[in-house]
């Protein structure tokens, strides 16, 4: 009875071996279904270095250029004596607001009024003489030379009267515009000559804020752009860029920028320290992690990218701004595959295997990377997954 059992066991074992051998053959046949290109790419991938790339799309961005500045009066005028004489009047208080035309300093009149009267009398005489000469000339009782001489004397009398009147006016030094009587340099009784400094007046409305910026920042500014000003006490004001220098300072190689601010309440004074925030022109930038920046053999800063053939290239960039973790750079195409992990271990022109960052660069800080699905690029089939 035991012999049939042995025979049955032998038959069952043979069947199991036959089924297993058929399964293995089918698996081998399935492997041959891959295309030649796919088999080539998958074989090649085992010899390529893996890097992580960020598929970045350019975005428009403006930035604040933050610089230290100071306030400066729009006009600061030093008044000088236009005639000689003794000071007879000086406005009593420095620092007071004055209206255009307000007398600030007076010089003694002396004999100036008398000279004006004398000039007026001489002019009247010359007018009569000229009128008489004209009448005689019409009747041919006088020569043309005598008529011309009478006319010349009349014009001379007019000029002398004008000069004496101007000399009288010059004895009063007035405010040339609304402003602050900032300083006086003479006192009553002082004697001044023509050209001596008399007083100073400043115009505090509007007020200027002055700053110096670098050449790179200067190229990012535009006249008329809104600017923010913050005082040391925390007060925040707004103005607009009114002047951009075209010539750099010889000492600092920086450029002067002026922002004009309304100061009708006279709260700002000349020489205050401020912080100035200037808005740059919109520029096309890519946001990349700071660690993606690298240097080439010439010491030029840039990033390494991967093209559609999986070849590494170096692109020079300019960092317009940065934080602890990210940088905003210009110099790249509108779309770029930027190597963000492994860039220091690959060379320019080297073919690489990549793993793609899942997010776009607009919100890189929250991006996650799919490191479980590396791929390489193919001209015909796009991405071939491993």
Protein backbone atom coordinates (compact mmCIF):
# COMPACT_ATOMS: atom_id res chain seq x y z
CA UNK A 1 0.00 0.00 0.00
CA UNK A 2 2.88 2.44 0.56
CA UNK A 3 4.15 2.19 -3.00
CA UNK A 4 1.22 4.13 -4.56
CA UNK A 5 1.82 6.96 -2.10
CA UNK A 6 5.42 7.29 -3.21
CA UNK A 7 4.35 7.38 -6.79
CA UNK A 8 1.78 10.13 -6.08
CA UNK A 9 4.33 12.25 -4.20
CA UNK A 10 6.79 11.95 -7.05
CA UNK A 11 4.17 13.06 -9.55
CA UNK A 12 3.20 16.10 -7.39
CA UNK A 13 6.82 17.22 -7.02
CA UNK A 14 7.39 17.00 -10.76
CA UNK A 15 4.30 19.16 -11.35
CA UNK A 16 5.50 21.86 -8.95
CA UNK A 17 8.92 22.02 -10.65
CA UNK A 18 7.30 22.27 -14.08
CA UNK A 19 5.02 25.17 -13.01
CA UNK A 20 7.91 27.07 -11.37
CA UNK A 21 10.09 26.70 -14.43
CA UNK A 22 7.33 28.13 -16.63
CA UNK A 23 6.88 31.16 -14.35
CA UNK A 24 10.57 31.98 -14.49
CA UNK A 25 10.57 31.77 -18.24
CA UNK A 26 7.61 34.16 -18.45
CA UNK A 27 9.39 36.69 -16.18
CA UNK A 28 12.41 36.61 -18.41
CA UNK A 29 10.19 37.14 -21.43
CA UNK A 30 8.57 40.21 -19.77
CA UNK A 31 11.95 41.80 -19.21
CA UNK A 32 12.60 41.75 -22.93
CA UNK A 33 9.54 43.96 -23.49
CA UNK A 34 11.46 47.18 -22.45
CA UNK A 35 12.61 49.32 -25.37
CA UNK A 36 16.28 49.46 -26.24
CA UNK A 37 16.43 53.19 -25.33
CA UNK A 38 14.85 52.55 -21.91
CA UNK A 39 17.26 49.71 -21.22
CA UNK A 40 20.14 52.00 -22.25
CA UNK A 41 18.96 54.86 -20.06
CA UNK A 42 18.38 52.64 -17.04
CA UNK A 43 21.80 51.08 -17.47
CA UNK A 44 23.38 54.56 -17.80
CA UNK A 45 21.53 55.87 -14.74
CA UNK A 46 23.33 53.46 -12.48
CA UNK A 47 26.59 55.31 -13.31
CA UNK A 48 25.23 58.90 -12.96
CA UNK A 49 25.44 61.12 -9.87
CA UNK A 50 22.10 62.04 -8.36
CA UNK A 51 21.30 65.74 -7.77
CA UNK A 52 18.16 67.52 -6.65
CA UNK A 53 16.80 70.27 -8.92
CA UNK A 54 14.28 73.04 -8.38
CA UNK A 55 12.02 73.75 -11.35
CA UNK A 56 11.96 77.50 -10.96
CA UNK A 57 9.79 80.04 -12.80
CA UNK A 58 10.78 83.72 -12.79
CA UNK A 59 8.60 86.21 -10.95
CA UNK A 60 8.38 90.02 -10.81
CA UNK A 61 9.53 91.51 -7.54
CA UNK A 62 10.22 94.94 -6.08
CA UNK A 63 12.36 95.40 -3.00
CA UNK A 64 13.02 98.05 -0.39
CA UNK A 65 16.43 99.68 -0.47
CA UNK A 66 17.04 100.67 3.15
CA UNK A 67 19.62 103.40 3.77
CA UNK A 68 20.46 105.94 6.46
CA UNK A 69 19.74 109.57 5.64
CA UNK A 70 19.27 113.04 7.05
CA UNK A 71 16.92 115.95 6.61
CA UNK A 72 18.06 119.07 4.81
CA UNK A 73 16.34 122.38 4.15
CA UNK A 74 15.36 122.79 0.51
CA UNK A 75 16.76 126.35 0.51
CA UNK A 76 19.43 127.80 2.76
CA UNK A 77 20.31 131.39 1.87
CA UNK A 78 22.97 133.66 3.34
CA UNK A 79 22.05 137.36 3.02
CA UNK A 80 24.81 139.92 2.40
CA UNK A 81 25.00 143.70 2.53
CA UNK A 82 24.53 145.42 -0.83
CA UNK A 83 25.63 148.85 0.40
CA UNK A 84 27.89 150.37 3.06
CA UNK A 85 26.65 151.79 6.35
CA UNK A 86 25.91 151.35 10.04
CA UNK A 87 23.37 148.76 11.22
CA UNK A 88 20.31 150.49 12.68
CA UNK A 89 17.91 147.55 13.11
CA UNK A 90 18.13 143.76 13.55
CA UNK A 91 15.14 141.43 13.94
CA UNK A 92 15.12 140.49 17.61
CA UNK A 93 14.63 136.70 17.57
CA UNK A 94 16.53 134.07 15.67
CA UNK A 95 14.57 130.95 14.78
CA UNK A 96 11.29 132.74 14.22
CA UNK A 97 9.16 132.13 11.15
CA UNK A 98 9.17 135.07 8.76
CA UNK A 99 7.09 135.91 5.71
CA UNK A 100 8.57 136.91 2.38
CA UNK A 101 9.36 140.64 2.41
CA UNK A 102 9.71 140.90 6.23
CA UNK A 103 12.60 143.32 7.17
CA UNK A 104 15.39 141.40 8.90
CA UNK A 105 18.16 144.03 9.05
CA UNK A 106 18.28 147.77 8.32
CA UNK A 107 21.24 150.02 7.51
CA UNK A 108 21.23 153.73 8.43
CA UNK A 109 19.76 155.90 5.68
CA UNK A 110 22.29 158.75 6.18
CA UNK A 111 22.03 161.14 3.22
CA UNK A 112 20.45 158.68 0.82
CA UNK A 113 16.96 160.29 0.89
CA UNK A 114 18.58 163.64 0.08
CA UNK A 115 20.36 162.14 -2.89
CA UNK A 116 17.06 160.83 -4.20
CA UNK A 117 15.47 164.30 -3.99
CA UNK A 118 18.47 165.85 -5.70
CA UNK A 119 18.27 163.31 -8.50
CA UNK A 120 14.57 164.00 -8.93
CA UNK A 121 15.24 167.76 -9.24
CA UNK A 122 18.00 167.24 -11.79
CA UNK A 123 15.70 164.97 -13.81
CA UNK A 124 12.97 167.61 -13.90
CA UNK A 125 15.49 170.19 -15.13
CA UNK A 126 16.79 167.87 -17.86
CA UNK A 127 13.23 167.14 -19.01
CA UNK A 128 12.55 170.89 -19.47
CA UNK A 129 15.84 171.40 -21.31
CA UNK A 130 15.11 168.53 -23.67
CA UNK A 131 11.57 169.76 -24.41
CA UNK A 132 12.95 173.21 -25.25
CA UNK A 133 15.61 171.73 -27.51
CA UNK A 134 12.95 169.78 -29.41
CA UNK A 135 10.89 172.92 -30.06
CA UNK A 136 13.94 174.87 -31.28
CA UNK A 137 14.97 171.99 -33.50
CA UNK A 138 11.57 171.97 -35.21
CA UNK A 139 12.02 175.69 -36.08
CA UNK A 140 15.65 175.12 -37.10
CA UNK A 141 16.92 177.42 -34.35
CA UNK A 142 19.27 174.77 -32.92
CA UNK A 143 21.53 172.06 -34.31
CA UNK A 144 20.99 168.33 -34.20
CA UNK A 145 24.07 168.04 -31.98
CA UNK A 146 22.50 170.29 -29.35
CA UNK A 147 19.30 168.22 -29.45
CA UNK A 148 21.24 164.98 -29.03
CA UNK A 149 23.20 166.46 -26.12
CA UNK A 150 19.94 167.48 -24.35
CA UNK A 151 18.58 163.98 -24.80
CA UNK A 152 21.76 162.39 -23.41
CA UNK A 153 21.64 164.59 -20.33
CA UNK A 154 17.99 163.61 -19.78
CA UNK A 155 18.81 159.89 -19.93
CA UNK A 156 21.72 160.40 -17.56
CA UNK A 157 19.43 162.11 -15.05
CA UNK A 158 17.00 159.20 -15.21
CA UNK A 159 19.80 156.71 -14.54
CA UNK A 160 21.12 158.76 -11.62
CA UNK A 161 17.65 158.86 -10.02
CA UNK A 162 17.28 155.09 -10.43
CA UNK A 163 20.67 154.49 -8.83
CA UNK A 164 19.91 156.70 -5.84
CA UNK A 165 16.55 154.98 -5.31
CA UNK A 166 18.19 151.53 -5.44
CA UNK A 167 20.80 152.69 -2.94
CA UNK A 168 18.00 153.69 -0.60
CA UNK A 169 16.22 150.33 -1.04
CA UNK A 170 19.43 148.42 -0.29
CA UNK A 171 19.44 149.73 3.26
CA UNK A 172 16.67 147.25 4.14
CA UNK A 173 17.49 143.52 3.98
CA UNK A 174 14.24 141.54 3.72
CA UNK A 175 13.31 137.83 3.76
CA UNK A 176 13.50 136.57 0.15
CA UNK A 177 10.91 133.82 0.85
CA UNK A 178 8.78 132.38 3.64
CA UNK A 179 11.08 130.57 6.05
CA UNK A 180 12.94 130.64 9.33
CA UNK A 181 15.22 133.53 10.34
CA UNK A 182 17.95 131.06 11.24
CA UNK A 183 20.88 133.29 12.19
CA UNK A 184 22.14 136.87 12.34
CA UNK A 185 25.76 137.95 12.03
CA UNK A 186 25.52 141.65 12.92
CA UNK A 187 24.23 143.76 15.78
CA UNK A 188 22.94 147.32 15.97
CA UNK A 189 25.86 149.74 15.63
CA UNK A 190 28.04 147.45 13.52
CA UNK A 191 29.42 148.95 10.33
CA UNK A 192 29.18 146.79 7.21
CA UNK A 193 30.62 147.03 3.76
CA UNK A 194 29.13 145.74 0.55
CA UNK A 195 29.39 141.93 0.55
CA UNK A 196 29.54 141.43 4.32
CA UNK A 197 27.38 138.54 5.66
CA UNK A 198 24.26 139.85 7.39
CA UNK A 199 21.87 136.95 8.16
CA UNK A 200 20.77 133.44 7.16
CA UNK A 201 17.29 132.19 6.32
CA UNK A 202 16.17 128.64 5.61
CA UNK A 203 13.10 127.21 3.88
CA UNK A 204 11.84 124.14 5.78
CA UNK A 205 8.75 123.43 3.70
CA UNK A 206 8.98 121.22 1.81
CA UNK A 207 11.82 119.32 3.50
CA UNK A 208 14.43 117.22 1.76
CA UNK A 209 15.73 113.85 2.95
CA UNK A 210 19.24 113.16 1.66
CA UNK A 211 20.88 109.74 1.33
CA UNK A 212 23.79 108.11 -0.48
CA UNK A 213 23.28 104.83 -2.38
CA UNK A 214 25.57 102.43 -4.19
CA UNK A 215 25.85 102.18 -7.96
CA UNK A 216 23.84 98.93 -8.06
CA UNK A 217 21.03 100.43 -5.97
CA UNK A 218 21.08 103.67 -7.98
CA UNK A 219 20.23 101.74 -11.14
CA UNK A 220 17.11 100.36 -9.44
CA UNK A 221 15.58 103.77 -8.55
CA UNK A 222 13.15 105.96 -10.51
CA UNK A 223 12.21 109.64 -10.12
CA UNK A 224 8.76 110.15 -8.62
CA UNK A 225 8.71 106.80 -6.83
CA UNK A 226 7.15 106.80 -3.34
CA UNK A 227 9.64 106.64 -0.47
CA UNK A 228 9.11 105.89 3.22
CA UNK A 229 10.89 107.86 5.93
CA UNK A 230 11.19 106.81 9.56
CA UNK A 231 12.43 109.18 12.27
CA UNK A 232 14.39 108.10 15.34
CA UNK A 233 11.26 108.48 17.48
CA UNK A 234 9.40 106.01 15.25
CA UNK A 235 7.36 108.58 13.32
CA UNK A 236 6.75 107.40 9.75
CA UNK A 237 6.34 109.76 6.81
CA UNK A 238 5.99 109.46 3.04
CA UNK A 239 7.58 111.41 0.24
CA UNK A 240 8.78 110.90 -3.30
CA UNK A 241 12.15 110.76 -5.01
CA UNK A 242 12.81 114.22 -6.47
CA UNK A 243 16.47 113.95 -7.49
CA UNK A 244 18.92 111.23 -8.53
CA UNK A 245 22.52 112.30 -8.97
CA UNK A 246 24.26 111.53 -12.25
CA UNK A 247 27.73 111.91 -10.72
CA UNK A 248 29.24 109.76 -7.95
CA UNK A 249 30.96 111.26 -4.94
CA UNK A 250 34.73 111.25 -5.46
CA UNK A 251 35.30 110.24 -1.84
CA UNK A 252 32.73 107.45 -1.38
CA UNK A 253 31.79 106.54 -4.98
CA UNK A 254 28.14 106.68 -3.95
CA UNK A 255 25.27 108.64 -5.51
CA UNK A 256 23.11 111.32 -3.88
CA UNK A 257 19.37 110.75 -3.67
CA UNK A 258 16.85 113.39 -2.57
CA UNK A 259 13.34 112.71 -1.31
CA UNK A 260 10.92 115.62 -0.90
CA UNK A 261 8.43 115.61 2.03
CA UNK A 262 5.63 117.98 2.99
CA UNK A 263 6.56 119.83 6.18
CA UNK A 264 3.75 122.35 6.48
CA UNK A 265 3.44 121.56 10.20
CA UNK A 266 7.15 122.48 10.65
CA UNK A 267 7.83 119.34 12.72
CA UNK A 268 10.94 118.47 10.72
CA UNK A 269 14.12 120.48 11.10
CA UNK A 270 17.36 120.51 9.18
CA UNK A 271 19.88 117.79 10.13
CA UNK A 272 17.63 115.10 11.65
CA UNK A 273 18.77 111.47 11.32
CA UNK A 274 16.28 109.23 9.49
CA UNK A 275 15.98 105.80 7.91
CA UNK A 276 14.94 105.86 4.27
CA UNK A 277 13.15 103.02 2.46
CA UNK A 278 13.30 103.38 -1.32
CA UNK A 279 11.27 101.13 -3.63
CA UNK A 280 13.23 99.57 -6.48
CA UNK A 281 12.09 99.03 -10.05
CA UNK A 282 10.25 95.71 -10.62
CA UNK A 283 12.73 93.07 -11.75
CA UNK A 284 12.43 89.45 -12.95
CA UNK A 285 13.97 87.18 -10.32
CA UNK A 286 14.18 83.56 -9.24
CA UNK A 287 13.90 82.59 -5.58
CA UNK A 288 16.47 79.95 -4.68
CA UNK A 289 17.82 78.54 -1.41
CA UNK A 290 20.99 80.34 -0.35
CA UNK A 291 22.88 77.04 -0.39
CA UNK A 292 22.32 76.73 -4.15
CA UNK A 293 24.68 79.63 -4.84
CA UNK A 294 28.17 78.58 -5.81
CA UNK A 295 31.37 79.99 -7.33
CA UNK A 296 33.01 79.00 -10.59
CA UNK A 297 36.76 78.75 -11.11
CA UNK A 298 36.97 82.51 -11.75
CA UNK A 299 35.25 83.33 -8.46
CA UNK A 300 32.00 84.42 -10.13
CA UNK A 301 28.83 83.74 -8.16
CA UNK A 302 26.12 81.72 -9.86
CA UNK A 303 24.04 78.54 -9.82
CA UNK A 304 24.33 75.21 -11.58
CA UNK A 305 21.44 74.15 -13.79
CA UNK A 306 20.45 71.04 -15.72
CA UNK A 307 19.17 71.23 -19.30
CA UNK A 308 16.72 68.87 -21.02
CA UNK A 309 19.58 66.50 -21.89
CA UNK A 310 20.55 66.20 -18.23
CA UNK A 311 23.77 68.19 -18.76
CA UNK A 312 25.07 70.49 -16.00
CA UNK A 313 25.73 74.17 -16.84
CA UNK A 314 26.87 77.16 -14.79
CA UNK A 315 24.80 80.37 -14.91
CA UNK A 316 26.14 83.64 -13.53
CA UNK A 317 23.57 85.43 -11.33
CA UNK A 318 23.24 88.63 -9.37
CA UNK A 319 21.62 88.43 -5.93
CA UNK A 320 19.24 91.38 -5.58
CA UNK A 321 18.26 90.53 -2.00
CA UNK A 322 18.48 87.68 0.46
CA UNK A 323 17.34 86.28 3.78
CA UNK A 324 18.92 83.67 6.04
CA UNK A 325 17.58 80.81 3.91
CA UNK A 326 16.74 82.21 0.48
CA UNK A 327 18.14 84.51 -2.19
CA UNK A 328 16.45 86.33 -5.09
CA UNK A 329 18.64 86.31 -8.19
CA UNK A 330 18.60 87.68 -11.72
CA UNK A 331 20.43 86.41 -14.81
CA UNK A 332 18.47 83.21 -15.49
CA UNK A 333 15.97 82.34 -18.20
CA UNK A 334 12.26 82.57 -17.43
CA UNK A 335 12.25 78.86 -16.51
CA UNK A 336 15.25 77.01 -15.14
CA UNK A 337 16.10 73.67 -13.53
CA UNK A 338 18.39 74.78 -10.68
CA UNK A 339 20.49 72.26 -8.78
CA UNK A 340 19.84 72.80 -5.08
CA UNK A 341 21.44 69.66 -3.62
CA UNK A 342 24.66 68.11 -4.90
CA UNK A 343 25.88 71.05 -7.00
CA UNK A 344 29.31 70.94 -5.40
CA UNK A 345 29.86 67.34 -6.52
CA UNK A 346 29.16 67.74 -10.24
CA UNK A 347 31.12 69.49 -12.98
CA UNK A 348 30.01 71.68 -15.87
CA UNK A 349 29.15 69.50 -18.87
CA UNK A 350 28.61 66.39 -16.74
CA UNK A 351 25.50 64.28 -17.31
CA UNK A 352 23.51 63.70 -14.12
CA UNK A 353 20.54 61.89 -12.71
CA UNK A 354 18.04 64.27 -11.07
CA UNK A 355 15.31 64.22 -8.51
CA UNK A 356 12.81 67.04 -8.90
CA UNK A 357 11.57 69.46 -6.25
CA UNK A 358 7.77 69.20 -6.24
CA UNK A 359 6.93 72.88 -5.62
CA UNK A 360 7.52 75.99 -7.68
CA UNK A 361 10.00 78.57 -6.39
CA UNK A 362 7.41 81.20 -5.38
CA UNK A 363 7.02 79.53 -1.98
CA UNK A 364 10.28 77.70 -1.67
CA UNK A 365 10.33 77.91 2.12
CA UNK A 366 7.51 75.35 2.32
CA UNK A 367 8.70 73.11 -0.50
CA UNK A 368 9.08 69.34 -0.19
CA UNK A 369 11.19 67.16 -2.41
CA UNK A 370 10.25 63.79 -3.86
CA UNK A 371 13.53 61.92 -3.46
CA UNK A 372 11.92 58.52 -4.09
CA UNK A 373 11.44 58.99 -7.84
CA UNK A 374 14.71 59.99 -9.53
CA UNK A 375 14.59 60.53 -13.27
CA UNK A 376 16.77 61.34 -16.24
CA UNK A 377 15.91 63.34 -19.33
CA UNK A 378 15.28 61.83 -22.75
CA UNK A 379 14.89 63.79 -26.01
CA UNK A 380 12.23 61.46 -27.35
CA UNK A 381 10.24 60.39 -24.34
CA UNK A 382 10.79 63.28 -21.92
CA UNK A 383 11.34 61.93 -18.43
CA UNK A 384 12.05 58.24 -18.04
CA UNK A 385 11.43 57.11 -14.48
CA UNK A 386 13.71 54.66 -12.79
